[in-house]
Amino acid sequence: MLELNQKEGKMLESEDKELIMKLSPVYLNKLAENKQIGIQEGLQQGRQQGLQQGLEIGQKMFIEGILVNRFGNIDRQLEEIIPKLLKLSSIEIVPLLLNLSKEDLIKHCKDK
């Protein structure tokens, strides 16, 4: 009704003005609450993404450290298998990195 009156250019009645004045703070509070909820959800999502990226970087550094320790350097062939190793769990990676020769490790990763 308020909307209809405004579209038709009619003046708001005092009751309508009172209603608007009463609802405005409620609306603004709800808007502020929703904004705060959105901010909190964004922060939580950012933390989760940061944690995941940190874990992935740590896993990559772990793999690279073992490869350098065992084989002296990371050549092109080893560099190519790192993404495949990152897809494995730690329980799967450790025995491969510690027990297989360079050639067998590369072959194992290319076969998968």
PDB file of N, CA and C in Angstrom:
ATOM      1  N   MET A   1       0.829  -1.184   0.000  1.00  0.00           N
ATOM      2  CA  MET A   1       0.000   0.000   0.000  1.00  0.00           C
ATOM      3  C   MET A   1       0.870   1.242   0.000  1.00  0.00           C
ATOM      4  N   LEU A   2       1.934   1.210   0.835  1.00  0.00           N
ATOM      5  CA  LEU A   2       2.846   2.348   0.872  1.00  0.00           C
ATOM      6  C   LEU A   2       3.468   2.579  -0.500  1.00  0.00           C
ATOM      7  N   GLU A   3       3.890   1.482  -1.095  1.00  0.00           N
ATOM      8  CA  GLU A   3       4.524   1.557  -2.402  1.00  0.00           C
ATOM      9  C   GLU A   3       3.556   2.107  -3.440  1.00  0.00           C
ATOM     10  N   LEU A   4       2.341   1.646  -3.411  1.00  0.00           N
ATOM     11  CA  LEU A   4       1.320   2.092  -4.345  1.00  0.00           C
ATOM     12  C   LEU A   4       1.054   3.581  -4.180  1.00  0.00           C
ATOM     13  N   ASN A   5       0.936   4.028  -2.941  1.00  0.00           N
ATOM     14  CA  ASN A   5       0.711   5.451  -2.681  1.00  0.00           C
ATOM     15  C   ASN A   5       1.872   6.296  -3.199  1.00  0.00           C
ATOM     16  N   GLN A   6       3.102   5.811  -2.997  1.00  0.00           N
ATOM     17  CA  GLN A   6       4.258   6.566  -3.454  1.00  0.00           C
ATOM     18  C   GLN A   6       4.313   6.612  -4.971  1.00  0.00           C
ATOM     19  N   LYS A   7       3.980   5.530  -5.643  1.00  0.00           N
ATOM     20  CA  LYS A   7       4.010   5.501  -7.106  1.00  0.00           C
ATOM     21  C   LYS A   7       2.977   6.446  -7.695  1.00  0.00           C
ATOM     22  N   GLU A   8       1.863   6.548  -7.034  1.00  0.00           N
ATOM     23  CA  GLU A   8       0.799   7.420  -7.523  1.00  0.00           C
ATOM     24  C   GLU A   8       1.017   8.866  -7.098  1.00  0.00           C
ATOM     25  N   GLY A   9       2.095   9.117  -6.367  1.00  0.00           N
ATOM     26  CA  GLY A   9       2.403  10.473  -5.964  1.00  0.00           C
ATOM     27  C   GLY A   9       1.582  10.972  -4.801  1.00  0.00           C
ATOM     28  N   LYS A  10       0.922  10.111  -4.133  1.00  0.00           N
ATOM     29  CA  LYS A  10       0.096  10.514  -2.996  1.00  0.00           C
ATOM     30  C   LYS A  10       0.988  10.755  -1.793  1.00  0.00           C
ATOM     31  N   MET A  11       0.555  11.642  -0.957  1.00  0.00           N
ATOM     32  CA  MET A  11       1.276  11.952   0.278  1.00  0.00           C
ATOM     33  C   MET A  11       1.108  10.778   1.246  1.00  0.00           C
ATOM     34  N   LEU A  12       2.139  10.541   2.017  1.00  0.00           N
ATOM     35  CA  LEU A  12       2.051   9.486   3.012  1.00  0.00           C
ATOM     36  C   LEU A  12       1.206   9.972   4.184  1.00  0.00           C
ATOM     37  N   GLU A  13       0.386   9.103   4.658  1.00  0.00           N
ATOM     38  CA  GLU A  13      -0.413   9.426   5.833  1.00  0.00           C
ATOM     39  C   GLU A  13       0.474   9.337   7.061  1.00  0.00           C
ATOM     40  N   SER A  14       0.046   9.970   8.129  1.00  0.00           N
ATOM     41  CA  SER A  14       0.860   9.979   9.341  1.00  0.00           C
ATOM     42  C   SER A  14       1.080   8.564   9.873  1.00  0.00           C
ATOM     43  N   GLU A  15       0.094   7.680   9.729  1.00  0.00           N
ATOM     44  CA  GLU A  15       0.253   6.288  10.157  1.00  0.00           C
ATOM     45  C   GLU A  15       1.339   5.598   9.344  1.00  0.00           C
ATOM     46  N   ASP A  16       1.360   5.881   8.040  1.00  0.00           N
ATOM     47  CA  ASP A  16       2.380   5.295   7.173  1.00  0.00           C
ATOM     48  C   ASP A  16       3.764   5.806   7.563  1.00  0.00           C
ATOM     49  N   LYS A  17       3.853   7.083   7.863  1.00  0.00           N
ATOM     50  CA  LYS A  17       5.136   7.661   8.267  1.00  0.00           C
ATOM     51  C   LYS A  17       5.615   7.034   9.572  1.00  0.00           C
ATOM     52  N   GLU A  18       4.697   6.838  10.501  1.00  0.00           N
ATOM     53  CA  GLU A  18       5.041   6.210  11.776  1.00  0.00           C
ATOM     54  C   GLU A  18       5.568   4.796  11.556  1.00  0.00           C
ATOM     55  N   LEU A  19       4.880   4.053  10.693  1.00  0.00           N
ATOM     56  CA  LEU A  19       5.289   2.680  10.395  1.00  0.00           C
ATOM     57  C   LEU A  19       6.687   2.661   9.787  1.00  0.00           C
ATOM     58  N   ILE A  20       6.927   3.562   8.874  1.00  0.00           N
ATOM     59  CA  ILE A  20       8.252   3.635   8.240  1.00  0.00           C
ATOM     60  C   ILE A  20       9.310   3.952   9.286  1.00  0.00           C
ATOM     61  N   MET A  21       9.021   4.882  10.180  1.00  0.00           N
ATOM     62  CA  MET A  21       9.979   5.261  11.211  1.00  0.00           C
ATOM     63  C   MET A  21      10.269   4.090  12.158  1.00  0.00           C
ATOM     64  N   LYS A  22       9.267   3.280  12.430  1.00  0.00           N
ATOM     65  CA  LYS A  22       9.449   2.130  13.315  1.00  0.00           C
ATOM     66  C   LYS A  22      10.224   1.014  12.622  1.00  0.00           C
ATOM     67  N   LEU A  23       9.954   0.816  11.333  1.00  0.00           N
ATOM     68  CA  LEU A  23      10.596  -0.280  10.603  1.00  0.00           C
ATOM     69  C   LEU A  23      12.023   0.054  10.176  1.00  0.00           C
ATOM     70  N   SER A  24      12.353   1.297   9.980  1.00  0.00           N
ATOM     71  CA  SER A  24      13.686   1.682   9.502  1.00  0.00           C
ATOM     72  C   SER A  24      14.805   1.158  10.397  1.00  0.00           C
ATOM     73  N   PRO A  25      14.744   1.345  11.732  1.00  0.00           N
ATOM     74  CA  PRO A  25      15.829   0.803  12.572  1.00  0.00           C
ATOM     75  C   PRO A  25      15.902  -0.725  12.515  1.00  0.00           C
ATOM     76  N   VAL A  26      14.764  -1.378  12.451  1.00  0.00           N
ATOM     77  CA  VAL A  26      14.744  -2.839  12.360  1.00  0.00           C
ATOM     78  C   VAL A  26      15.434  -3.274  11.065  1.00  0.00           C
ATOM     79  N   TYR A  27      15.094  -2.599   9.986  1.00  0.00           N
ATOM     80  CA  TYR A  27      15.699  -2.916   8.684  1.00  0.00           C
ATOM     81  C   TYR A  27      17.201  -2.674   8.723  1.00  0.00           C
ATOM     82  N   LEU A  28      17.609  -1.533   9.262  1.00  0.00           N
ATOM     83  CA  LEU A  28      19.038  -1.207   9.324  1.00  0.00           C
ATOM     84  C   LEU A  28      19.797  -2.191  10.214  1.00  0.00           C
ATOM     85  N   ASN A  29      19.188  -2.590  11.327  1.00  0.00           N
ATOM     86  CA  ASN A  29      19.832  -3.588  12.196  1.00  0.00           C
ATOM     87  C   ASN A  29      19.992  -4.921  11.480  1.00  0.00           C
ATOM     88  N   LYS A  30      18.955  -5.331  10.789  1.00  0.00           N
ATOM     89  CA  LYS A  30      19.011  -6.601  10.056  1.00  0.00           C
ATOM     90  C   LYS A  30      20.062  -6.534   8.951  1.00  0.00           C
ATOM     91  N   LEU A  31      20.130  -5.394   8.289  1.00  0.00           N
ATOM     92  CA  LEU A  31      21.124  -5.194   7.238  1.00  0.00           C
ATOM     93  C   LEU A  31      22.538  -5.293   7.832  1.00  0.00           C
ATOM     94  N   ALA A  32      22.749  -4.669   8.986  1.00  0.00           N
ATOM     95  CA  ALA A  32      24.051  -4.720   9.647  1.00  0.00           C
ATOM     96  C   ALA A  32      24.387  -6.144  10.083  1.00  0.00           C
ATOM     97  N   GLU A  33      23.400  -6.865  10.603  1.00  0.00           N
ATOM     98  CA  GLU A  33      23.611  -8.262  11.008  1.00  0.00           C
ATOM     99  C   GLU A  33      24.031  -9.113   9.813  1.00  0.00           C
ATOM    100  N   ASN A  34      23.315  -8.952   8.713  1.00  0.00           N
ATOM    101  CA  ASN A  34      23.623  -9.732   7.507  1.00  0.00           C
ATOM    102  C   ASN A  34      25.009  -9.392   6.972  1.00  0.00           C
ATOM    103  N   LYS A  35      25.385  -8.133   7.053  1.00  0.00           N
ATOM    104  CA  LYS A  35      26.717  -7.725   6.607  1.00  0.00           C
ATOM    105  C   LYS A  35      27.778  -8.387   7.480  1.00  0.00           C
ATOM    106  N   GLN A  36      27.563  -8.382   8.799  1.00  0.00           N
ATOM    107  CA  GLN A  36      28.509  -8.993   9.735  1.00  0.00           C
ATOM    108  C   GLN A  36      28.619 -10.498   9.490  1.00  0.00           C
ATOM    109  N   ILE A  37      27.486 -11.136   9.255  1.00  0.00           N
ATOM    110  CA  ILE A  37      27.500 -12.574   8.958  1.00  0.00           C
ATOM    111  C   ILE A  37      28.310 -12.837   7.689  1.00  0.00           C
ATOM    112  N   GLY A  38      28.110 -12.001   6.673  1.00  0.00           N
ATOM    113  CA  GLY A  38      28.862 -12.152   5.421  1.00  0.00           C
ATOM    114  C   GLY A  38      30.351 -11.979   5.633  1.00  0.00           C
ATOM    115  N   ILE A  39      30.718 -11.005   6.453  1.00  0.00           N
ATOM    116  CA  ILE A  39      32.135 -10.777   6.754  1.00  0.00           C
ATOM    117  C   ILE A  39      32.722 -11.991   7.473  1.00  0.00           C
ATOM    118  N   GLN A  40      32.009 -12.516   8.464  1.00  0.00           N
ATOM    119  CA  GLN A  40      32.491 -13.676   9.213  1.00  0.00           C
ATOM    120  C   GLN A  40      32.657 -14.893   8.312  1.00  0.00           C
ATOM    121  N   GLU A  41      31.678 -15.110   7.435  1.00  0.00           N
ATOM    122  CA  GLU A  41      31.764 -16.247   6.513  1.00  0.00           C
ATOM    123  C   GLU A  41      32.943 -16.078   5.569  1.00  0.00           C
ATOM    124  N   GLY A  42      33.177 -14.865   5.097  1.00  0.00           N
ATOM    125  CA  GLY A  42      34.311 -14.597   4.217  1.00  0.00           C
ATOM    126  C   GLY A  42      35.639 -14.833   4.911  1.00  0.00           C
ATOM    127  N   LEU A  43      35.738 -14.393   6.163  1.00  0.00           N
ATOM    128  CA  LEU A  43      36.967 -14.621   6.929  1.00  0.00           C
ATOM    129  C   LEU A  43      37.214 -16.109   7.148  1.00  0.00           C
ATOM    130  N   GLN A  44      36.166 -16.839   7.496  1.00  0.00           N
ATOM    131  CA  GLN A  44      36.300 -18.281   7.721  1.00  0.00           C
ATOM    132  C   GLN A  44      36.753 -18.988   6.447  1.00  0.00           C
ATOM    133  N   GLN A  45      36.146 -18.613   5.336  1.00  0.00           N
ATOM    134  CA  GLN A  45      36.518 -19.232   4.055  1.00  0.00           C
ATOM    135  C   GLN A  45      37.969 -18.890   3.715  1.00  0.00           C
ATOM    136  N   GLY A  46      38.375 -17.652   3.985  1.00  0.00           N
ATOM    137  CA  GLY A  46      39.759 -17.246   3.729  1.00  0.00           C
ATOM    138  C   GLY A  46      40.743 -18.021   4.581  1.00  0.00           C
ATOM    139  N   ARG A  47      40.396 -18.232   5.852  1.00  0.00           N
ATOM    140  CA  ARG A  47      41.261 -19.020   6.732  1.00  0.00           C
ATOM    141  C   ARG A  47      41.413 -20.447   6.220  1.00  0.00           C
ATOM    142  N   GLN A  48      40.299 -21.040   5.817  1.00  0.00           N
ATOM    143  CA  GLN A  48      40.340 -22.419   5.334  1.00  0.00           C
ATOM    144  C   GLN A  48      41.192 -22.526   4.073  1.00  0.00           C
ATOM    145  N   GLN A  49      41.037 -21.566   3.161  1.00  0.00           N
ATOM    146  CA  GLN A  49      41.830 -21.594   1.935  1.00  0.00           C
ATOM    147  C   GLN A  49      43.309 -21.399   2.244  1.00  0.00           C
ATOM    148  N   GLY A  50      43.611 -20.494   3.177  1.00  0.00           N
ATOM    149  CA  GLY A  50      45.000 -20.255   3.570  1.00  0.00           C
ATOM    150  C   GLY A  50      45.622 -21.484   4.204  1.00  0.00           C
ATOM    151  N   LEU A  51      44.869 -22.146   5.052  1.00  0.00           N
ATOM    152  CA  LEU A  51      45.346 -23.369   5.693  1.00  0.00           C
ATOM    153  C   LEU A  51      45.620 -24.446   4.653  1.00  0.00           C
ATOM    154  N   GLN A  52      44.701 -24.612   3.715  1.00  0.00           N
ATOM    155  CA  GLN A  52      44.873 -25.626   2.662  1.00  0.00           C
ATOM    156  C   GLN A  52      46.105 -25.323   1.816  1.00  0.00           C
ATOM    157  N   GLN A  53      46.286 -24.056   1.447  1.00  0.00           N
ATOM    158  CA  GLN A  53      47.457 -23.684   0.650  1.00  0.00           C
ATOM    159  C   GLN A  53      48.744 -23.924   1.432  1.00  0.00           C
ATOM    160  N   GLY A  54      48.711 -23.605   2.726  1.00  0.00           N
ATOM    161  CA  GLY A  54      49.889 -23.835   3.563  1.00  0.00           C
ATOM    162  C   GLY A  54      50.250 -25.309   3.655  1.00  0.00           C
ATOM    163  N   LEU A  55      49.248 -26.148   3.794  1.00  0.00           N
ATOM    164  CA  LEU A  55      49.488 -27.593   3.838  1.00  0.00           C
ATOM    165  C   LEU A  55      50.079 -28.095   2.531  1.00  0.00           C
ATOM    166  N   GLU A  56      49.549 -27.602   1.416  1.00  0.00           N
ATOM    167  CA  GLU A  56      50.054 -28.024   0.105  1.00  0.00           C
ATOM    168  C   GLU A  56      51.499 -27.582  -0.097  1.00  0.00           C
ATOM    169  N   ILE A  57      51.809 -26.358   0.319  1.00  0.00           N
ATOM    170  CA  ILE A  57      53.186 -25.866   0.199  1.00  0.00           C
ATOM    171  C   ILE A  57      54.122 -26.691   1.075  1.00  0.00           C
ATOM    172  N   GLY A  58      53.680 -26.992   2.298  1.00  0.00           N
ATOM    173  CA  GLY A  58      54.489 -27.815   3.199  1.00  0.00           C
ATOM    174  C   GLY A  58      54.734 -29.201   2.644  1.00  0.00           C
ATOM    175  N   GLN A  59      53.711 -29.798   2.070  1.00  0.00           N
ATOM    176  CA  GLN A  59      53.839 -31.141   1.474  1.00  0.00           C
ATOM    177  C   GLN A  59      54.840 -31.107   0.313  1.00  0.00           C
ATOM    178  N   LYS A  60      54.750 -30.061  -0.502  1.00  0.00           N
ATOM    179  CA  LYS A  60      55.665 -29.946  -1.640  1.00  0.00           C
ATOM    180  C   LYS A  60      57.104 -29.770  -1.152  1.00  0.00           C
ATOM    181  N   MET A  61      57.287 -28.948  -0.128  1.00  0.00           N
ATOM    182  CA  MET A  61      58.633 -28.742   0.415  1.00  0.00           C
ATOM    183  C   MET A  61      59.195 -30.034   1.011  1.00  0.00           C
ATOM    184  N   PHE A  62      58.339 -30.812   1.652  1.00  0.00           N
ATOM    185  CA  PHE A  62      58.734 -32.102   2.214  1.00  0.00           C
ATOM    186  C   PHE A  62      59.232 -33.035   1.107  1.00  0.00           C
ATOM    187  N   ILE A  63      58.441 -33.144   0.047  1.00  0.00           N
ATOM    188  CA  ILE A  63      58.806 -34.011  -1.085  1.00  0.00           C
ATOM    189  C   ILE A  63      60.114 -33.547  -1.713  1.00  0.00           C
ATOM    190  N   GLU A  64      60.204 -32.242  -1.974  1.00  0.00           N
ATOM    191  CA  GLU A  64      61.420 -31.705  -2.599  1.00  0.00           C
ATOM    192  C   GLU A  64      62.645 -31.927  -1.711  1.00  0.00           C
ATOM    193  N   GLY A  65      62.462 -31.777  -0.394  1.00  0.00           N
ATOM    194  CA  GLY A  65      63.578 -31.989   0.526  1.00  0.00           C
ATOM    195  C   GLY A  65      64.103 -33.413   0.472  1.00  0.00           C
ATOM    196  N   ILE A  66      63.204 -34.369   0.450  1.00  0.00           N
ATOM    197  CA  ILE A  66      63.639 -35.770   0.371  1.00  0.00           C
ATOM    198  C   ILE A  66      64.290 -36.054  -0.982  1.00  0.00           C
ATOM    199  N   LEU A  67      63.709 -35.530  -2.052  1.00  0.00           N
ATOM    200  CA  LEU A  67      64.298 -35.756  -3.378  1.00  0.00           C
ATOM    201  C   LEU A  67      65.710 -35.189  -3.462  1.00  0.00           C
ATOM    202  N   VAL A  68      65.914 -33.989  -2.953  1.00  0.00           N
ATOM    203  CA  VAL A  68      67.250 -33.373  -2.968  1.00  0.00           C
ATOM    204  C   VAL A  68      68.207 -34.181  -2.096  1.00  0.00           C
ATOM    205  N   ASN A  69      67.754 -34.610  -0.938  1.00  0.00           N
ATOM    206  CA  ASN A  69      68.588 -35.381  -0.032  1.00  0.00           C
ATOM    207  C   ASN A  69      69.008 -36.709  -0.655  1.00  0.00           C
ATOM    208  N   ARG A  70      68.086 -37.361  -1.341  1.00  0.00           N
ATOM    209  CA  ARG A  70      68.387 -38.685  -1.918  1.00  0.00           C
ATOM    210  C   ARG A  70      69.129 -38.603  -3.240  1.00  0.00           C
ATOM    211  N   PHE A  71      68.743 -37.642  -4.088  1.00  0.00           N
ATOM    212  CA  PHE A  71      69.256 -37.654  -5.464  1.00  0.00           C
ATOM    213  C   PHE A  71      70.149 -36.454  -5.805  1.00  0.00           C
ATOM    214  N   GLY A  72      70.389 -35.577  -4.858  1.00  0.00           N
ATOM    215  CA  GLY A  72      71.333 -34.478  -5.074  1.00  0.00           C
ATOM    216  C   GLY A  72      70.722 -33.203  -5.637  1.00  0.00           C
ATOM    217  N   ASN A  73      69.802 -33.341  -6.527  1.00  0.00           N
ATOM    218  CA  ASN A  73      69.111 -32.171  -7.088  1.00  0.00           C
ATOM    219  C   ASN A  73      67.786 -32.621  -7.686  1.00  0.00           C
ATOM    220  N   ILE A  74      66.982 -31.653  -8.067  1.00  0.00           N
ATOM    221  CA  ILE A  74      65.697 -31.979  -8.702  1.00  0.00           C
ATOM    222  C   ILE A  74      65.813 -31.597 -10.174  1.00  0.00           C
ATOM    223  N   ASP A  75      65.972 -32.615 -10.985  1.00  0.00           N
ATOM    224  CA  ASP A  75      66.062 -32.357 -12.424  1.00  0.00           C
ATOM    225  C   ASP A  75      64.655 -32.298 -13.031  1.00  0.00           C
ATOM    226  N   ARG A  76      64.591 -32.149 -14.331  1.00  0.00           N
ATOM    227  CA  ARG A  76      63.319 -32.019 -15.029  1.00  0.00           C
ATOM    228  C   ARG A  76      62.420 -33.223 -14.802  1.00  0.00           C
ATOM    229  N   GLN A  77      62.999 -34.431 -14.835  1.00  0.00           N
ATOM    230  CA  GLN A  77      62.197 -35.642 -14.647  1.00  0.00           C
ATOM    231  C   GLN A  77      61.550 -35.685 -13.260  1.00  0.00           C
ATOM    232  N   LEU A  78      62.322 -35.339 -12.242  1.00  0.00           N
ATOM    233  CA  LEU A  78      61.765 -35.331 -10.889  1.00  0.00           C
ATOM    234  C   LEU A  78      60.739 -34.207 -10.728  1.00  0.00           C
ATOM    235  N   GLU A  79      61.023 -33.066 -11.324  1.00  0.00           N
ATOM    236  CA  GLU A  79      60.088 -31.935 -11.261  1.00  0.00           C
ATOM    237  C   GLU A  79      58.726 -32.327 -11.839  1.00  0.00           C
ATOM    238  N   GLU A  80      58.748 -33.120 -12.891  1.00  0.00           N
ATOM    239  CA  GLU A  80      57.499 -33.537 -13.544  1.00  0.00           C
ATOM    240  C   GLU A  80      56.659 -34.476 -12.678  1.00  0.00           C
ATOM    241  N   ILE A  81      57.281 -35.240 -11.796  1.00  0.00           N
ATOM    242  CA  ILE A  81      56.500 -36.188 -10.993  1.00  0.00           C
ATOM    243  C   ILE A  81      55.993 -35.591  -9.673  1.00  0.00           C
ATOM    244  N   ILE A  82      56.507 -34.436  -9.284  1.00  0.00           N
ATOM    245  CA  ILE A  82      56.086 -33.827  -8.013  1.00  0.00           C
ATOM    246  C   ILE A  82      54.568 -33.632  -7.949  1.00  0.00           C
ATOM    247  N   PRO A  83      53.911 -33.085  -8.987  1.00  0.00           N
ATOM    248  CA  PRO A  83      52.443 -32.940  -8.906  1.00  0.00           C
ATOM    249  C   PRO A  83      51.720 -34.266  -8.693  1.00  0.00           C
ATOM    250  N   LYS A  84      52.251 -35.346  -9.275  1.00  0.00           N
ATOM    251  CA  LYS A  84      51.626 -36.661  -9.079  1.00  0.00           C
ATOM    252  C   LYS A  84      51.836 -37.148  -7.653  1.00  0.00           C
ATOM    253  N   LEU A  85      53.008 -36.883  -7.093  1.00  0.00           N
ATOM    254  CA  LEU A  85      53.274 -37.277  -5.713  1.00  0.00           C
ATOM    255  C   LEU A  85      52.394 -36.496  -4.740  1.00  0.00           C
ATOM    256  N   LEU A  86      52.124 -35.248  -5.067  1.00  0.00           N
ATOM    257  CA  LEU A  86      51.289 -34.407  -4.196  1.00  0.00           C
ATOM    258  C   LEU A  86      49.862 -34.928  -4.074  1.00  0.00           C
ATOM    259  N   LYS A  87      49.430 -35.700  -5.033  1.00  0.00           N
ATOM    260  CA  LYS A  87      48.072 -36.248  -5.001  1.00  0.00           C
ATOM    261  C   LYS A  87      47.960 -37.459  -4.077  1.00  0.00           C
ATOM    262  N   LEU A  88      49.109 -37.999  -3.664  1.00  0.00           N
ATOM    263  CA  LEU A  88      49.116 -39.173  -2.800  1.00  0.00           C
ATOM    264  C   LEU A  88      49.095 -38.756  -1.333  1.00  0.00           C
ATOM    265  N   SER A  89      48.672 -39.665  -0.487  1.00  0.00           N
ATOM    266  CA  SER A  89      48.709 -39.396   0.950  1.00  0.00           C
ATOM    267  C   SER A  89      50.143 -39.552   1.448  1.00  0.00           C
ATOM    268  N   SER A  90      50.408 -39.003   2.628  1.00  0.00           N
ATOM    269  CA  SER A  90      51.749 -39.119   3.215  1.00  0.00           C
ATOM    270  C   SER A  90      52.144 -40.576   3.418  1.00  0.00           C
ATOM    271  N   ILE A  91      51.172 -41.392   3.775  1.00  0.00           N
ATOM    272  CA  ILE A  91      51.449 -42.817   3.999  1.00  0.00           C
ATOM    273  C   ILE A  91      51.915 -43.486   2.709  1.00  0.00           C
ATOM    274  N   GLU A  92      51.409 -43.039   1.584  1.00  0.00           N
ATOM    275  CA  GLU A  92      51.827 -43.605   0.293  1.00  0.00           C
ATOM    276  C   GLU A  92      53.149 -43.005  -0.182  1.00  0.00           C
ATOM    277  N   ILE A  93      53.359 -41.723   0.076  1.00  0.00           N
ATOM    278  CA  ILE A  93      54.538 -41.022  -0.447  1.00  0.00           C
ATOM    279  C   ILE A  93      55.834 -41.479   0.208  1.00  0.00           C
ATOM    280  N   VAL A  94      55.831 -41.559   1.530  1.00  0.00           N
ATOM    281  CA  VAL A  94      57.072 -41.810   2.265  1.00  0.00           C
ATOM    282  C   VAL A  94      57.791 -43.077   1.807  1.00  0.00           C
ATOM    283  N   PRO A  95      57.121 -44.229   1.733  1.00  0.00           N
ATOM    284  CA  PRO A  95      57.854 -45.427   1.271  1.00  0.00           C
ATOM    285  C   PRO A  95      58.394 -45.282  -0.157  1.00  0.00           C
ATOM    286  N   LEU A  96      57.625 -44.621  -1.007  1.00  0.00           N
ATOM    287  CA  LEU A  96      58.101 -44.431  -2.385  1.00  0.00           C
ATOM    288  C   LEU A  96      59.374 -43.591  -2.404  1.00  0.00           C
ATOM    289  N   LEU A  97      59.347 -42.476  -1.662  1.00  0.00           N
ATOM    290  CA  LEU A  97      60.494 -41.569  -1.670  1.00  0.00           C
ATOM    291  C   LEU A  97      61.728 -42.179  -1.006  1.00  0.00           C
ATOM    292  N   LEU A  98      61.505 -43.001  -0.003  1.00  0.00           N
ATOM    293  CA  LEU A  98      62.645 -43.552   0.737  1.00  0.00           C
ATOM    294  C   LEU A  98      63.196 -44.850   0.163  1.00  0.00           C
ATOM    295  N   ASN A  99      62.373 -45.604  -0.542  1.00  0.00           N
ATOM    296  CA  ASN A  99      62.803 -46.943  -0.965  1.00  0.00           C
ATOM    297  C   ASN A  99      63.086 -47.099  -2.453  1.00  0.00           C
ATOM    298  N   LEU A 100      62.436 -46.332  -3.293  1.00  0.00           N
ATOM    299  CA  LEU A 100      62.622 -46.530  -4.733  1.00  0.00           C
ATOM    300  C   LEU A 100      63.821 -45.755  -5.259  1.00  0.00           C
ATOM    301  N   SER A 101      64.452 -46.330  -6.256  1.00  0.00           N
ATOM    302  CA  SER A 101      65.517 -45.606  -6.940  1.00  0.00           C
ATOM    303  C   SER A 101      64.878 -44.467  -7.739  1.00  0.00           C
ATOM    304  N   LYS A 102      65.698 -43.573  -8.195  1.00  0.00           N
ATOM    305  CA  LYS A 102      65.188 -42.449  -8.992  1.00  0.00           C
ATOM    306  C   LYS A 102      64.421 -42.958 -10.205  1.00  0.00           C
ATOM    307  N   GLU A 103      64.992 -43.912 -10.891  1.00  0.00           N
ATOM    308  CA  GLU A 103      64.362 -44.449 -12.088  1.00  0.00           C
ATOM    309  C   GLU A 103      63.035 -45.135 -11.771  1.00  0.00           C
ATOM    310  N   ASP A 104      63.037 -45.929 -10.700  1.00  0.00           N
ATOM    311  CA  ASP A 104      61.806 -46.633 -10.308  1.00  0.00           C
ATOM    312  C   ASP A 104      60.723 -45.654  -9.840  1.00  0.00           C
ATOM    313  N   LEU A 105      61.131 -44.610  -9.149  1.00  0.00           N
ATOM    314  CA  LEU A 105      60.181 -43.594  -8.690  1.00  0.00           C
ATOM    315  C   LEU A 105      59.526 -42.896  -9.879  1.00  0.00           C
ATOM    316  N   ILE A 106      60.344 -42.516 -10.848  1.00  0.00           N
ATOM    317  CA  ILE A 106      59.820 -41.866 -12.059  1.00  0.00           C
ATOM    318  C   ILE A 106      58.904 -42.808 -12.811  1.00  0.00           C
ATOM    319  N   LYS A 107      59.320 -44.067 -12.950  1.00  0.00           N
ATOM    320  CA  LYS A 107      58.506 -45.050 -13.651  1.00  0.00           C
ATOM    321  C   LYS A 107      57.167 -45.260 -12.907  1.00  0.00           C
ATOM    322  N   HIS A 108      57.231 -45.381 -11.589  1.00  0.00           N
ATOM    323  CA  HIS A 108      56.031 -45.586 -10.793  1.00  0.00           C
ATOM    324  C   HIS A 108      55.022 -44.445 -11.003  1.00  0.00           C
ATOM    325  N   CYS A 109      55.531 -43.218 -10.992  1.00  0.00           N
ATOM    326  CA  CYS A 109      54.644 -42.058 -11.146  1.00  0.00           C
ATOM    327  C   CYS A 109      54.100 -41.928 -12.566  1.00  0.00           C
ATOM    328  N   LYS A 110      54.887 -42.306 -13.543  1.00  0.00           N
ATOM    329  CA  LYS A 110      54.412 -42.202 -14.934  1.00  0.00           C
ATOM    330  C   LYS A 110      53.408 -43.297 -15.258  1.00  0.00           C
ATOM    331  N   ASP A 111      53.519 -44.436 -14.568  1.00  0.00           N
ATOM    332  CA  ASP A 111      52.590 -45.546 -14.800  1.00  0.00           C
ATOM    333  C   ASP A 111      51.199 -45.260 -14.216  1.00  0.00           C
ATOM    334  N   LYS A 112      51.130 -44.377 -13.257  1.00  0.00           N
ATOM    335  CA  LYS A 112      49.836 -44.085 -12.598  1.00  0.00           C
ATOM    336  C   LYS A 112      49.039 -43.071 -13.351  1.00  0.00           C
TER     337      LYS A 112
END
